[in-house]
N, C-alpha and C. Protein backbone atom coordinates (compact mmCIF):
# COMPACT_ATOMS: atom_id res chain seq x y z
N UNK A 1 -20.53 -8.50 -28.06
CA UNK A 1 -19.84 -9.55 -27.30
C UNK A 1 -18.34 -9.45 -27.54
N UNK A 2 -17.56 -9.58 -26.47
CA UNK A 2 -16.10 -9.47 -26.55
C UNK A 2 -15.52 -10.89 -26.59
N UNK A 3 -15.14 -11.34 -27.77
CA UNK A 3 -14.69 -12.72 -27.96
C UNK A 3 -13.22 -12.76 -28.30
N UNK A 4 -12.49 -13.69 -27.68
CA UNK A 4 -11.07 -13.82 -27.96
C UNK A 4 -10.35 -14.73 -26.97
N UNK A 5 -10.85 -14.79 -25.74
CA UNK A 5 -10.24 -15.68 -24.76
C UNK A 5 -10.52 -17.14 -25.13
N UNK A 6 -9.60 -18.01 -24.74
CA UNK A 6 -9.72 -19.43 -25.05
C UNK A 6 -10.03 -20.28 -23.82
N UNK A 7 -10.30 -19.62 -22.70
CA UNK A 7 -10.66 -20.33 -21.47
C UNK A 7 -11.49 -19.37 -20.63
N UNK A 8 -11.86 -19.81 -19.42
CA UNK A 8 -12.73 -19.01 -18.56
C UNK A 8 -12.16 -17.61 -18.31
N UNK A 9 -13.03 -16.60 -18.42
CA UNK A 9 -12.70 -15.23 -18.01
C UNK A 9 -13.09 -15.09 -16.54
N UNK A 10 -12.11 -14.72 -15.70
CA UNK A 10 -12.32 -14.70 -14.26
C UNK A 10 -12.45 -13.30 -13.68
N UNK A 11 -12.02 -12.28 -14.42
CA UNK A 11 -11.95 -10.95 -13.83
C UNK A 11 -12.03 -9.90 -14.91
N UNK A 12 -12.58 -8.74 -14.56
CA UNK A 12 -12.72 -7.65 -15.52
C UNK A 12 -12.63 -6.31 -14.78
N UNK A 13 -12.08 -5.31 -15.45
CA UNK A 13 -12.05 -3.96 -14.92
C UNK A 13 -12.26 -3.00 -16.08
N UNK A 14 -12.61 -1.75 -15.78
CA UNK A 14 -12.90 -0.79 -16.83
C UNK A 14 -12.37 0.59 -16.46
N UNK A 15 -12.10 1.41 -17.46
CA UNK A 15 -11.68 2.80 -17.27
C UNK A 15 -11.86 3.53 -18.58
N UNK A 16 -11.59 4.83 -18.56
CA UNK A 16 -11.65 5.65 -19.76
C UNK A 16 -10.24 6.11 -20.11
N UNK A 17 -9.83 5.90 -21.37
CA UNK A 17 -8.51 6.33 -21.83
C UNK A 17 -8.46 7.86 -21.94
N UNK A 18 -7.26 8.44 -21.99
CA UNK A 18 -7.15 9.91 -22.07
C UNK A 18 -7.90 10.53 -23.24
N UNK A 19 -8.08 9.78 -24.34
CA UNK A 19 -8.81 10.33 -25.49
C UNK A 19 -10.32 10.16 -25.37
N UNK A 20 -10.78 9.66 -24.21
CA UNK A 20 -12.21 9.51 -23.98
C UNK A 20 -12.77 8.15 -24.32
N UNK A 21 -11.93 7.24 -24.83
CA UNK A 21 -12.40 5.90 -25.20
C UNK A 21 -12.67 5.06 -23.95
N UNK A 22 -13.88 4.54 -23.79
CA UNK A 22 -14.13 3.63 -22.66
C UNK A 22 -13.60 2.24 -23.01
N UNK A 23 -12.82 1.66 -22.10
CA UNK A 23 -12.23 0.35 -22.36
C UNK A 23 -12.48 -0.58 -21.19
N UNK A 24 -12.41 -1.87 -21.48
CA UNK A 24 -12.45 -2.91 -20.46
C UNK A 24 -11.19 -3.75 -20.59
N UNK A 25 -10.76 -4.30 -19.46
CA UNK A 25 -9.65 -5.25 -19.44
C UNK A 25 -10.19 -6.54 -18.86
N UNK A 26 -10.09 -7.62 -19.64
CA UNK A 26 -10.56 -8.93 -19.21
C UNK A 26 -9.37 -9.87 -19.06
N UNK A 27 -9.49 -10.87 -18.18
CA UNK A 27 -8.37 -11.80 -17.97
C UNK A 27 -8.91 -13.09 -17.37
N UNK A 28 -8.13 -14.17 -17.52
CA UNK A 28 -8.61 -15.43 -17.00
C UNK A 28 -7.63 -16.58 -17.11
N UNK A 29 -8.19 -17.78 -17.24
CA UNK A 29 -7.41 -19.01 -17.20
C UNK A 29 -6.45 -19.17 -18.38
N UNK A 30 -6.67 -18.45 -19.47
CA UNK A 30 -5.79 -18.62 -20.64
C UNK A 30 -4.49 -17.84 -20.51
N UNK A 31 -4.24 -17.23 -19.33
CA UNK A 31 -2.99 -16.55 -19.01
C UNK A 31 -2.84 -15.19 -19.70
N UNK A 32 -3.88 -14.74 -20.35
CA UNK A 32 -3.82 -13.48 -21.09
C UNK A 32 -4.81 -12.47 -20.53
N UNK A 33 -4.47 -11.19 -20.69
CA UNK A 33 -5.42 -10.11 -20.47
C UNK A 33 -5.67 -9.45 -21.82
N UNK A 34 -6.89 -8.98 -22.02
CA UNK A 34 -7.24 -8.33 -23.28
C UNK A 34 -7.89 -7.00 -23.00
N UNK A 35 -7.52 -6.00 -23.82
CA UNK A 35 -8.04 -4.64 -23.68
C UNK A 35 -9.01 -4.40 -24.83
N UNK A 36 -10.22 -3.92 -24.49
CA UNK A 36 -11.30 -3.80 -25.47
C UNK A 36 -11.84 -2.37 -25.51
N UNK A 37 -12.10 -1.88 -26.71
CA UNK A 37 -12.83 -0.63 -26.91
C UNK A 37 -14.31 -0.95 -26.72
N UNK A 38 -14.94 -0.37 -25.70
CA UNK A 38 -16.32 -0.70 -25.39
C UNK A 38 -17.31 -0.04 -26.34
N UNK A 39 -16.88 0.95 -27.09
CA UNK A 39 -17.77 1.56 -28.07
C UNK A 39 -17.89 0.69 -29.32
N UNK A 40 -16.76 0.19 -29.80
CA UNK A 40 -16.75 -0.59 -31.04
C UNK A 40 -16.72 -2.10 -30.82
N UNK A 41 -16.30 -2.53 -29.62
CA UNK A 41 -16.10 -3.95 -29.36
C UNK A 41 -14.79 -4.47 -29.89
N UNK A 42 -13.94 -3.58 -30.42
CA UNK A 42 -12.65 -3.99 -30.99
C UNK A 42 -11.64 -4.31 -29.90
N UNK A 43 -10.86 -5.37 -30.14
CA UNK A 43 -9.76 -5.68 -29.23
C UNK A 43 -8.58 -4.75 -29.56
N UNK A 44 -8.09 -4.03 -28.55
CA UNK A 44 -7.00 -3.09 -28.76
C UNK A 44 -5.63 -3.71 -28.50
N UNK A 45 -5.53 -4.51 -27.44
CA UNK A 45 -4.24 -5.13 -27.08
C UNK A 45 -4.50 -6.48 -26.43
N UNK A 46 -3.55 -7.39 -26.59
CA UNK A 46 -3.49 -8.62 -25.81
C UNK A 46 -2.24 -8.55 -24.96
N UNK A 47 -2.41 -8.66 -23.65
CA UNK A 47 -1.31 -8.50 -22.70
C UNK A 47 -0.80 -9.89 -22.31
N UNK A 48 0.39 -10.22 -22.79
CA UNK A 48 0.94 -11.57 -22.62
C UNK A 48 2.19 -11.50 -21.76
N UNK A 49 2.25 -12.33 -20.73
CA UNK A 49 3.42 -12.35 -19.86
C UNK A 49 3.27 -13.30 -18.70
N UNK A 50 2.05 -13.50 -18.23
CA UNK A 50 1.82 -14.44 -17.13
C UNK A 50 2.03 -15.87 -17.61
N UNK A 51 2.48 -16.72 -16.68
CA UNK A 51 2.75 -18.13 -17.01
C UNK A 51 1.70 -19.07 -16.43
N UNK A 52 0.68 -18.51 -15.80
CA UNK A 52 -0.43 -19.30 -15.27
C UNK A 52 -1.67 -18.42 -15.28
N UNK A 53 -2.80 -18.97 -14.90
CA UNK A 53 -4.06 -18.25 -14.98
C UNK A 53 -4.05 -16.95 -14.19
N UNK A 54 -4.80 -15.96 -14.70
CA UNK A 54 -4.90 -14.65 -14.07
C UNK A 54 -6.19 -14.60 -13.25
N UNK A 55 -6.07 -14.21 -11.98
CA UNK A 55 -7.22 -14.20 -11.07
C UNK A 55 -7.79 -12.81 -10.83
N UNK A 56 -7.01 -11.75 -11.07
CA UNK A 56 -7.47 -10.41 -10.70
C UNK A 56 -6.90 -9.38 -11.65
N UNK A 57 -7.68 -8.33 -11.89
CA UNK A 57 -7.22 -7.18 -12.67
C UNK A 57 -7.82 -5.92 -12.07
N UNK A 58 -7.04 -4.85 -12.07
CA UNK A 58 -7.52 -3.54 -11.63
C UNK A 58 -6.83 -2.48 -12.48
N UNK A 59 -7.40 -1.28 -12.52
CA UNK A 59 -6.85 -0.21 -13.34
C UNK A 59 -6.43 0.96 -12.46
N UNK A 60 -5.57 1.81 -13.03
CA UNK A 60 -5.04 2.97 -12.30
C UNK A 60 -4.52 3.97 -13.32
N UNK A 61 -4.25 5.19 -12.87
CA UNK A 61 -3.60 6.20 -13.69
C UNK A 61 -2.23 6.50 -13.10
N UNK A 62 -1.18 6.45 -13.91
CA UNK A 62 0.16 6.79 -13.46
C UNK A 62 0.33 8.31 -13.40
N UNK A 63 1.36 8.80 -12.71
CA UNK A 63 1.49 10.26 -12.52
C UNK A 63 1.55 11.08 -13.81
N UNK A 64 2.05 10.48 -14.89
CA UNK A 64 2.11 11.22 -16.15
C UNK A 64 0.82 11.11 -16.96
N UNK A 65 -0.21 10.51 -16.36
CA UNK A 65 -1.49 10.37 -17.02
C UNK A 65 -1.67 9.07 -17.78
N UNK A 66 -0.63 8.23 -17.82
CA UNK A 66 -0.72 6.96 -18.52
C UNK A 66 -1.76 6.06 -17.87
N UNK A 67 -2.74 5.57 -18.63
CA UNK A 67 -3.68 4.60 -18.06
C UNK A 67 -3.01 3.24 -17.95
N UNK A 68 -3.17 2.60 -16.80
CA UNK A 68 -2.46 1.34 -16.55
C UNK A 68 -3.44 0.29 -16.03
N UNK A 69 -3.04 -0.95 -16.21
CA UNK A 69 -3.74 -2.08 -15.60
C UNK A 69 -2.74 -2.89 -14.80
N UNK A 70 -3.23 -3.51 -13.74
CA UNK A 70 -2.44 -4.45 -12.96
C UNK A 70 -3.15 -5.79 -13.03
N UNK A 71 -2.42 -6.84 -13.39
CA UNK A 71 -2.97 -8.19 -13.44
C UNK A 71 -2.20 -9.06 -12.46
N UNK A 72 -2.86 -10.08 -11.91
CA UNK A 72 -2.20 -10.95 -10.94
C UNK A 72 -2.85 -12.33 -10.99
N UNK A 73 -2.05 -13.36 -10.62
CA UNK A 73 -2.62 -14.69 -10.71
C UNK A 73 -1.81 -15.79 -10.08
N UNK A 74 -2.04 -17.00 -10.61
CA UNK A 74 -1.48 -18.21 -10.02
C UNK A 74 0.04 -18.30 -10.15
N UNK A 75 0.66 -17.50 -11.02
CA UNK A 75 2.12 -17.58 -11.17
C UNK A 75 2.87 -16.79 -10.11
N UNK A 76 2.14 -16.31 -9.08
CA UNK A 76 2.72 -15.64 -7.91
C UNK A 76 3.19 -14.22 -8.20
N UNK A 77 2.84 -13.67 -9.34
CA UNK A 77 3.26 -12.32 -9.67
C UNK A 77 2.06 -11.44 -9.99
N UNK A 78 2.33 -10.14 -9.97
CA UNK A 78 1.42 -9.15 -10.56
C UNK A 78 2.22 -8.41 -11.63
N UNK A 79 1.54 -7.95 -12.65
CA UNK A 79 2.19 -7.23 -13.73
C UNK A 79 1.47 -5.93 -14.00
N UNK A 80 2.26 -4.89 -14.32
CA UNK A 80 1.73 -3.56 -14.62
C UNK A 80 1.88 -3.31 -16.11
N UNK A 81 0.80 -2.81 -16.74
CA UNK A 81 0.74 -2.63 -18.19
C UNK A 81 0.31 -1.22 -18.54
N UNK A 82 0.90 -0.67 -19.61
CA UNK A 82 0.47 0.59 -20.21
C UNK A 82 -0.70 0.26 -21.15
N UNK A 83 -1.88 0.79 -20.86
CA UNK A 83 -3.05 0.44 -21.66
C UNK A 83 -3.13 1.21 -22.97
N UNK A 84 -2.31 2.24 -23.12
CA UNK A 84 -2.28 2.95 -24.40
C UNK A 84 -1.51 2.15 -25.44
N UNK A 85 -0.40 1.55 -25.02
CA UNK A 85 0.47 0.83 -25.96
C UNK A 85 0.41 -0.68 -25.82
N UNK A 86 -0.10 -1.17 -24.67
CA UNK A 86 -0.06 -2.60 -24.38
C UNK A 86 1.28 -3.06 -23.85
N UNK A 87 2.17 -2.13 -23.57
CA UNK A 87 3.53 -2.47 -23.11
C UNK A 87 3.53 -2.91 -21.65
N UNK A 88 4.34 -3.93 -21.36
CA UNK A 88 4.58 -4.37 -19.98
C UNK A 88 5.54 -3.40 -19.32
N UNK A 89 5.16 -2.89 -18.15
CA UNK A 89 5.99 -1.90 -17.44
C UNK A 89 6.77 -2.49 -16.28
N UNK A 90 6.13 -3.29 -15.44
CA UNK A 90 6.79 -3.85 -14.26
C UNK A 90 6.22 -5.23 -13.95
N UNK A 91 7.04 -6.08 -13.35
CA UNK A 91 6.58 -7.31 -12.72
C UNK A 91 6.77 -7.17 -11.22
N UNK A 92 5.71 -7.38 -10.47
CA UNK A 92 5.72 -7.24 -9.01
C UNK A 92 5.88 -8.63 -8.42
N UNK A 93 7.09 -8.95 -7.99
CA UNK A 93 7.42 -10.29 -7.50
C UNK A 93 7.71 -10.24 -6.01
N UNK A 94 7.18 -11.20 -5.27
CA UNK A 94 7.41 -11.26 -3.83
C UNK A 94 6.52 -12.27 -3.14
N UNK A 95 5.35 -12.51 -3.70
CA UNK A 95 4.48 -13.53 -3.12
C UNK A 95 5.07 -14.92 -3.32
N UNK A 96 4.82 -15.81 -2.35
CA UNK A 96 5.29 -17.19 -2.45
C UNK A 96 4.16 -18.15 -2.78
N UNK A 97 2.99 -17.63 -3.05
CA UNK A 97 1.85 -18.41 -3.50
C UNK A 97 1.08 -17.60 -4.52
N UNK A 98 0.09 -18.22 -5.14
CA UNK A 98 -0.71 -17.51 -6.12
C UNK A 98 -1.36 -16.26 -5.55
N UNK A 99 -1.56 -15.27 -6.42
CA UNK A 99 -2.20 -14.03 -6.01
C UNK A 99 -3.67 -14.10 -6.39
N UNK A 100 -4.55 -13.96 -5.40
CA UNK A 100 -5.99 -14.15 -5.61
C UNK A 100 -6.77 -12.86 -5.82
N UNK A 101 -6.23 -11.74 -5.32
CA UNK A 101 -7.01 -10.50 -5.34
C UNK A 101 -6.07 -9.31 -5.37
N UNK A 102 -6.56 -8.19 -5.91
CA UNK A 102 -5.78 -6.96 -5.86
C UNK A 102 -6.71 -5.78 -5.93
N UNK A 103 -6.20 -4.64 -5.48
CA UNK A 103 -6.91 -3.38 -5.58
C UNK A 103 -5.90 -2.29 -5.86
N UNK A 104 -6.36 -1.16 -6.40
CA UNK A 104 -5.48 -0.03 -6.65
C UNK A 104 -6.05 1.21 -5.97
N UNK A 105 -5.16 2.17 -5.72
CA UNK A 105 -5.55 3.43 -5.08
C UNK A 105 -4.44 4.44 -5.29
N UNK A 106 -4.72 5.70 -4.97
CA UNK A 106 -3.70 6.74 -4.96
C UNK A 106 -3.37 7.08 -3.52
N UNK A 107 -2.09 7.05 -3.15
CA UNK A 107 -1.67 7.45 -1.82
C UNK A 107 -1.76 8.97 -1.68
N UNK A 108 -1.71 9.51 -0.45
CA UNK A 108 -1.89 10.95 -0.26
C UNK A 108 -0.91 11.83 -1.05
N UNK A 109 0.30 11.32 -1.32
CA UNK A 109 1.26 12.12 -2.10
C UNK A 109 1.07 11.97 -3.60
N UNK A 110 0.01 11.26 -4.00
CA UNK A 110 -0.27 11.07 -5.42
C UNK A 110 0.29 9.80 -6.01
N UNK A 111 1.08 9.05 -5.25
CA UNK A 111 1.66 7.81 -5.75
C UNK A 111 0.57 6.79 -6.04
N UNK A 112 0.52 6.27 -7.28
CA UNK A 112 -0.43 5.19 -7.55
C UNK A 112 0.09 3.89 -6.96
N UNK A 113 -0.76 3.17 -6.25
CA UNK A 113 -0.33 1.97 -5.54
C UNK A 113 -1.29 0.83 -5.82
N UNK A 114 -0.79 -0.38 -5.62
CA UNK A 114 -1.61 -1.58 -5.67
C UNK A 114 -1.39 -2.36 -4.38
N UNK A 115 -2.43 -3.07 -3.97
CA UNK A 115 -2.33 -4.02 -2.86
C UNK A 115 -2.73 -5.38 -3.41
N UNK A 116 -1.84 -6.36 -3.29
CA UNK A 116 -2.11 -7.72 -3.76
C UNK A 116 -2.26 -8.65 -2.56
N UNK A 117 -3.05 -9.70 -2.71
CA UNK A 117 -3.30 -10.63 -1.60
C UNK A 117 -3.38 -12.05 -2.15
N UNK A 118 -2.84 -13.03 -1.38
CA UNK A 118 -2.77 -14.35 -1.98
C UNK A 118 -2.72 -15.53 -1.04
N UNK A 119 -2.35 -16.65 -1.64
CA UNK A 119 -2.30 -17.94 -0.95
C UNK A 119 -1.25 -17.98 0.15
N UNK A 120 -0.27 -17.10 0.12
CA UNK A 120 0.80 -17.13 1.12
C UNK A 120 0.43 -16.45 2.42
N UNK A 121 -0.87 -16.11 2.59
CA UNK A 121 -1.42 -15.50 3.80
C UNK A 121 -1.10 -14.01 3.90
N UNK A 122 -0.37 -13.45 2.95
CA UNK A 122 0.10 -12.08 3.04
C UNK A 122 -0.55 -11.18 1.99
N UNK A 123 -0.57 -9.89 2.30
CA UNK A 123 -0.87 -8.86 1.30
C UNK A 123 0.39 -8.00 1.15
N UNK A 124 0.56 -7.45 -0.04
CA UNK A 124 1.73 -6.62 -0.32
C UNK A 124 1.31 -5.33 -0.99
N UNK A 125 2.00 -4.24 -0.64
CA UNK A 125 1.72 -2.91 -1.17
C UNK A 125 2.85 -2.53 -2.12
N UNK A 126 2.47 -2.00 -3.30
CA UNK A 126 3.44 -1.72 -4.37
C UNK A 126 3.25 -0.30 -4.91
N UNK A 127 4.37 0.34 -5.26
CA UNK A 127 4.37 1.60 -5.99
C UNK A 127 4.27 1.26 -7.48
N UNK A 128 3.20 1.68 -8.14
CA UNK A 128 3.01 1.29 -9.53
C UNK A 128 3.87 2.09 -10.50
N UNK A 129 4.40 3.23 -10.08
CA UNK A 129 5.28 4.00 -10.95
C UNK A 129 6.63 3.32 -11.10
N UNK A 130 7.16 2.81 -10.00
CA UNK A 130 8.51 2.23 -10.00
C UNK A 130 8.50 0.71 -9.94
N UNK A 131 7.38 0.11 -9.52
CA UNK A 131 7.34 -1.33 -9.28
C UNK A 131 7.92 -1.72 -7.94
N UNK A 132 8.25 -0.73 -7.10
CA UNK A 132 8.88 -1.00 -5.81
C UNK A 132 7.88 -1.56 -4.80
N UNK A 133 8.34 -2.54 -4.02
CA UNK A 133 7.56 -3.10 -2.92
C UNK A 133 7.65 -2.15 -1.74
N UNK A 134 6.50 -1.73 -1.18
CA UNK A 134 6.48 -0.77 -0.09
C UNK A 134 6.27 -1.42 1.27
N UNK A 135 5.33 -2.38 1.38
CA UNK A 135 5.04 -3.03 2.65
C UNK A 135 4.57 -4.45 2.40
N UNK A 136 4.84 -5.34 3.37
CA UNK A 136 4.19 -6.64 3.44
C UNK A 136 3.27 -6.63 4.65
N UNK A 137 2.01 -6.92 4.41
CA UNK A 137 0.98 -6.88 5.46
C UNK A 137 0.79 -8.30 5.99
N UNK A 138 1.36 -8.56 7.18
CA UNK A 138 1.41 -9.90 7.74
C UNK A 138 0.54 -9.98 8.98
N UNK A 139 -0.36 -10.96 9.03
CA UNK A 139 -1.23 -11.12 10.19
C UNK A 139 -2.27 -12.19 10.01
N UNK A 140 -2.57 -12.54 8.76
CA UNK A 140 -3.51 -13.63 8.50
C UNK A 140 -2.83 -14.99 8.68
N UNK A 141 -3.63 -16.01 8.89
CA UNK A 141 -3.09 -17.36 9.10
C UNK A 141 -3.55 -18.34 8.03
N UNK A 142 -4.20 -17.84 6.98
CA UNK A 142 -4.62 -18.70 5.89
C UNK A 142 -4.72 -17.88 4.61
N UNK A 143 -5.07 -18.55 3.53
CA UNK A 143 -5.13 -17.93 2.22
C UNK A 143 -6.10 -16.76 2.20
N UNK A 144 -5.72 -15.71 1.45
CA UNK A 144 -6.56 -14.52 1.32
C UNK A 144 -7.35 -14.55 0.02
N UNK A 145 -8.63 -14.15 0.11
CA UNK A 145 -9.50 -14.07 -1.05
C UNK A 145 -9.84 -12.65 -1.44
N UNK A 146 -9.68 -11.71 -0.52
CA UNK A 146 -10.29 -10.39 -0.64
C UNK A 146 -9.29 -9.30 -0.28
N UNK A 147 -9.26 -8.24 -1.08
CA UNK A 147 -8.62 -7.00 -0.67
C UNK A 147 -9.35 -5.85 -1.36
N UNK A 148 -9.63 -4.79 -0.62
CA UNK A 148 -10.22 -3.60 -1.20
C UNK A 148 -9.68 -2.37 -0.50
N UNK A 149 -9.55 -1.28 -1.24
CA UNK A 149 -9.00 -0.04 -0.70
C UNK A 149 -10.09 0.76 0.02
N UNK A 150 -9.69 1.43 1.10
CA UNK A 150 -10.58 2.24 1.92
C UNK A 150 -9.88 3.54 2.28
N UNK A 151 -10.65 4.46 2.85
CA UNK A 151 -10.08 5.66 3.46
C UNK A 151 -10.59 5.73 4.89
N UNK A 152 -9.66 5.84 5.85
CA UNK A 152 -10.06 5.95 7.25
C UNK A 152 -10.66 7.33 7.51
N UNK A 153 -11.39 7.51 8.62
CA UNK A 153 -12.04 8.80 8.89
C UNK A 153 -11.08 9.99 8.91
N UNK A 154 -9.80 9.77 9.25
CA UNK A 154 -8.84 10.87 9.27
C UNK A 154 -8.15 11.08 7.93
N UNK A 155 -8.61 10.36 6.89
CA UNK A 155 -8.03 10.51 5.56
C UNK A 155 -6.90 9.56 5.25
N UNK A 156 -6.52 8.72 6.20
CA UNK A 156 -5.43 7.77 5.99
C UNK A 156 -5.83 6.71 4.96
N UNK A 157 -4.96 6.45 3.96
CA UNK A 157 -5.28 5.37 3.01
C UNK A 157 -5.17 4.02 3.71
N UNK A 158 -6.12 3.14 3.40
CA UNK A 158 -6.19 1.85 4.09
C UNK A 158 -6.67 0.78 3.13
N UNK A 159 -6.58 -0.45 3.57
CA UNK A 159 -7.14 -1.58 2.84
C UNK A 159 -7.70 -2.56 3.84
N UNK A 160 -8.72 -3.31 3.42
CA UNK A 160 -9.22 -4.41 4.23
C UNK A 160 -8.94 -5.70 3.47
N UNK A 161 -8.44 -6.71 4.18
CA UNK A 161 -8.18 -8.03 3.62
C UNK A 161 -8.98 -9.06 4.39
N UNK A 162 -9.32 -10.16 3.72
CA UNK A 162 -10.05 -11.24 4.38
C UNK A 162 -9.81 -12.53 3.62
N UNK A 163 -10.01 -13.65 4.32
CA UNK A 163 -9.79 -14.94 3.68
C UNK A 163 -10.29 -16.09 4.52
N UNK A 164 -9.57 -17.21 4.41
CA UNK A 164 -10.04 -18.46 5.01
C UNK A 164 -9.81 -18.54 6.51
N UNK A 165 -9.12 -17.58 7.11
CA UNK A 165 -8.92 -17.63 8.56
C UNK A 165 -10.06 -16.97 9.34
N UNK A 166 -11.16 -16.60 8.64
CA UNK A 166 -12.35 -16.04 9.29
C UNK A 166 -12.04 -14.72 9.99
N UNK A 167 -11.15 -13.94 9.42
CA UNK A 167 -10.84 -12.61 9.96
C UNK A 167 -10.80 -11.60 8.83
N UNK A 168 -11.23 -10.39 9.13
CA UNK A 168 -10.98 -9.24 8.27
C UNK A 168 -9.99 -8.34 9.01
N UNK A 169 -8.99 -7.85 8.29
CA UNK A 169 -8.00 -6.96 8.89
C UNK A 169 -7.97 -5.67 8.08
N UNK A 170 -8.04 -4.54 8.80
CA UNK A 170 -7.89 -3.22 8.18
C UNK A 170 -6.47 -2.75 8.42
N UNK A 171 -5.82 -2.30 7.35
CA UNK A 171 -4.40 -1.92 7.39
C UNK A 171 -4.21 -0.44 7.05
N UNK A 172 -3.31 0.20 7.76
CA UNK A 172 -2.84 1.54 7.41
C UNK A 172 -1.80 1.38 6.30
N UNK A 173 -2.08 1.89 5.11
CA UNK A 173 -1.17 1.67 3.98
C UNK A 173 0.01 2.62 3.98
N UNK A 174 -0.01 3.63 4.82
CA UNK A 174 1.16 4.51 4.96
C UNK A 174 2.23 3.82 5.79
N UNK A 175 1.81 3.13 6.86
CA UNK A 175 2.77 2.50 7.77
C UNK A 175 2.89 0.99 7.57
N UNK A 176 1.87 0.37 6.97
CA UNK A 176 1.84 -1.09 6.85
C UNK A 176 1.37 -1.79 8.11
N UNK A 177 0.84 -1.04 9.07
CA UNK A 177 0.43 -1.63 10.35
C UNK A 177 -1.07 -1.94 10.40
N UNK A 178 -1.42 -2.89 11.28
CA UNK A 178 -2.82 -3.24 11.50
C UNK A 178 -3.54 -2.12 12.22
N UNK A 179 -4.75 -1.80 11.75
CA UNK A 179 -5.60 -0.81 12.42
C UNK A 179 -6.71 -1.51 13.19
N UNK A 180 -7.42 -2.42 12.55
CA UNK A 180 -8.47 -3.20 13.20
C UNK A 180 -8.41 -4.64 12.73
N UNK A 181 -8.80 -5.56 13.61
CA UNK A 181 -8.99 -6.96 13.25
C UNK A 181 -10.42 -7.34 13.65
N UNK A 182 -11.19 -7.85 12.68
CA UNK A 182 -12.60 -8.14 12.91
C UNK A 182 -12.84 -9.63 12.70
N UNK A 183 -13.22 -10.40 13.73
CA UNK A 183 -13.57 -11.81 13.52
C UNK A 183 -14.83 -11.94 12.67
N UNK A 184 -14.83 -12.91 11.77
CA UNK A 184 -15.99 -13.17 10.91
C UNK A 184 -16.55 -14.57 11.20
N UNK A 185 -17.83 -14.78 10.96
CA UNK A 185 -18.42 -16.11 11.17
C UNK A 185 -17.98 -17.14 10.13
N UNK A 186 -17.42 -16.69 9.01
CA UNK A 186 -17.00 -17.59 7.95
C UNK A 186 -15.89 -16.97 7.14
N UNK A 187 -15.40 -17.67 6.11
CA UNK A 187 -14.34 -17.13 5.27
C UNK A 187 -14.81 -15.88 4.52
N UNK A 188 -13.98 -14.85 4.48
CA UNK A 188 -14.30 -13.65 3.73
C UNK A 188 -14.27 -13.94 2.24
N UNK A 189 -15.27 -13.47 1.51
CA UNK A 189 -15.38 -13.75 0.08
C UNK A 189 -15.38 -12.50 -0.79
N UNK A 190 -15.80 -11.36 -0.26
CA UNK A 190 -15.81 -10.13 -1.05
C UNK A 190 -15.94 -8.95 -0.10
N UNK A 191 -15.52 -7.76 -0.56
CA UNK A 191 -15.62 -6.56 0.27
C UNK A 191 -15.63 -5.33 -0.62
N UNK A 192 -16.34 -4.30 -0.18
CA UNK A 192 -16.36 -3.01 -0.87
C UNK A 192 -16.41 -1.90 0.17
N UNK A 193 -15.86 -0.72 -0.16
CA UNK A 193 -16.06 0.43 0.73
C UNK A 193 -17.55 0.76 0.80
N UNK A 194 -17.97 1.26 1.94
CA UNK A 194 -19.36 1.67 2.13
C UNK A 194 -19.39 2.89 3.03
N UNK A 195 -20.54 3.50 3.14
CA UNK A 195 -20.67 4.71 3.92
C UNK A 195 -20.14 4.51 5.33
N UNK A 196 -19.12 5.29 5.70
CA UNK A 196 -18.54 5.29 7.05
C UNK A 196 -17.88 3.97 7.42
N UNK A 197 -17.51 3.12 6.45
CA UNK A 197 -16.88 1.86 6.77
C UNK A 197 -16.74 0.97 5.55
N UNK A 198 -17.13 -0.29 5.70
CA UNK A 198 -17.04 -1.22 4.57
C UNK A 198 -18.06 -2.34 4.73
N UNK A 199 -18.43 -2.93 3.60
CA UNK A 199 -19.27 -4.12 3.55
C UNK A 199 -18.39 -5.31 3.25
N UNK A 200 -18.64 -6.43 3.92
CA UNK A 200 -17.87 -7.64 3.64
C UNK A 200 -18.81 -8.84 3.61
N UNK A 201 -18.58 -9.72 2.64
CA UNK A 201 -19.36 -10.93 2.53
C UNK A 201 -18.60 -12.12 3.09
N UNK A 202 -19.34 -13.05 3.71
CA UNK A 202 -18.75 -14.28 4.25
C UNK A 202 -19.85 -15.34 4.24
N UNK A 203 -19.53 -16.52 3.69
CA UNK A 203 -20.55 -17.56 3.61
C UNK A 203 -21.77 -17.08 2.84
N UNK A 204 -22.96 -17.23 3.43
CA UNK A 204 -24.18 -16.77 2.78
C UNK A 204 -24.69 -15.48 3.39
N UNK A 205 -23.80 -14.71 4.03
CA UNK A 205 -24.19 -13.47 4.68
C UNK A 205 -23.21 -12.35 4.32
N UNK A 206 -23.59 -11.12 4.67
CA UNK A 206 -22.72 -9.96 4.55
C UNK A 206 -22.98 -9.05 5.74
N UNK A 207 -22.01 -8.21 6.07
CA UNK A 207 -22.15 -7.30 7.20
C UNK A 207 -21.56 -5.94 6.83
N UNK A 208 -22.11 -4.90 7.43
CA UNK A 208 -21.64 -3.53 7.26
C UNK A 208 -20.93 -3.11 8.55
N UNK A 209 -19.63 -2.87 8.44
CA UNK A 209 -18.85 -2.42 9.58
C UNK A 209 -18.64 -0.92 9.47
N UNK A 210 -18.85 -0.21 10.58
CA UNK A 210 -18.83 1.25 10.59
C UNK A 210 -17.74 1.72 11.55
N UNK A 211 -16.97 2.72 11.12
CA UNK A 211 -15.97 3.32 12.01
C UNK A 211 -16.68 3.98 13.19
N UNK A 212 -16.28 3.64 14.39
CA UNK A 212 -16.93 4.21 15.59
C UNK A 212 -15.98 5.03 16.44
N UNK A 213 -14.71 5.10 16.09
CA UNK A 213 -13.74 5.85 16.88
C UNK A 213 -12.37 5.26 16.66
N UNK A 214 -11.42 5.69 17.46
CA UNK A 214 -10.05 5.18 17.34
C UNK A 214 -9.99 3.75 17.82
N UNK A 215 -9.13 2.89 17.16
CA UNK A 215 -9.01 1.51 17.61
C UNK A 215 -8.44 1.40 19.01
């Protein structure tokens, strides 16, 4: 059992460090993220910097091989951390409401990127190496709950976002433009890539959307 948080744990992610150690990153209402050795159960680092609860965490590898985590939450920011040292690398500032969800991916040129989504109806794309803001994805009309990375049939990096406006939107992450908009019967609650498309949950149902051709 991984014990150390003083309030609800809301999110977890996992990866393997360069030395082969499997680790998990947990985060939640106590404003902290914690890095754990999954073999021994030992806490390796406590990542302190957020000023409100953390809603999302994801992991990535930087170009030099550094294992990193991205955390995001109610303080309207996301933060990038070196998981080897526990050092804070960047603060990703730009949202005007709490950040509810995030995902990470590698762009075609190898750039590690994150997509954050939040209460301000927007999603934002970030370069994790520099902390630079790349795109703001604008098109939703209510708070976002969901973002996940996808690859379009032609290899283009993409993301799908969804939230309380009963729409899912697929975005081209190279250009920041909308690719598809899919009406949903209810608020989007979760999404994952799936064979030839993506799965998305809404209300008490889920649906599998499949790429059928050019939009």
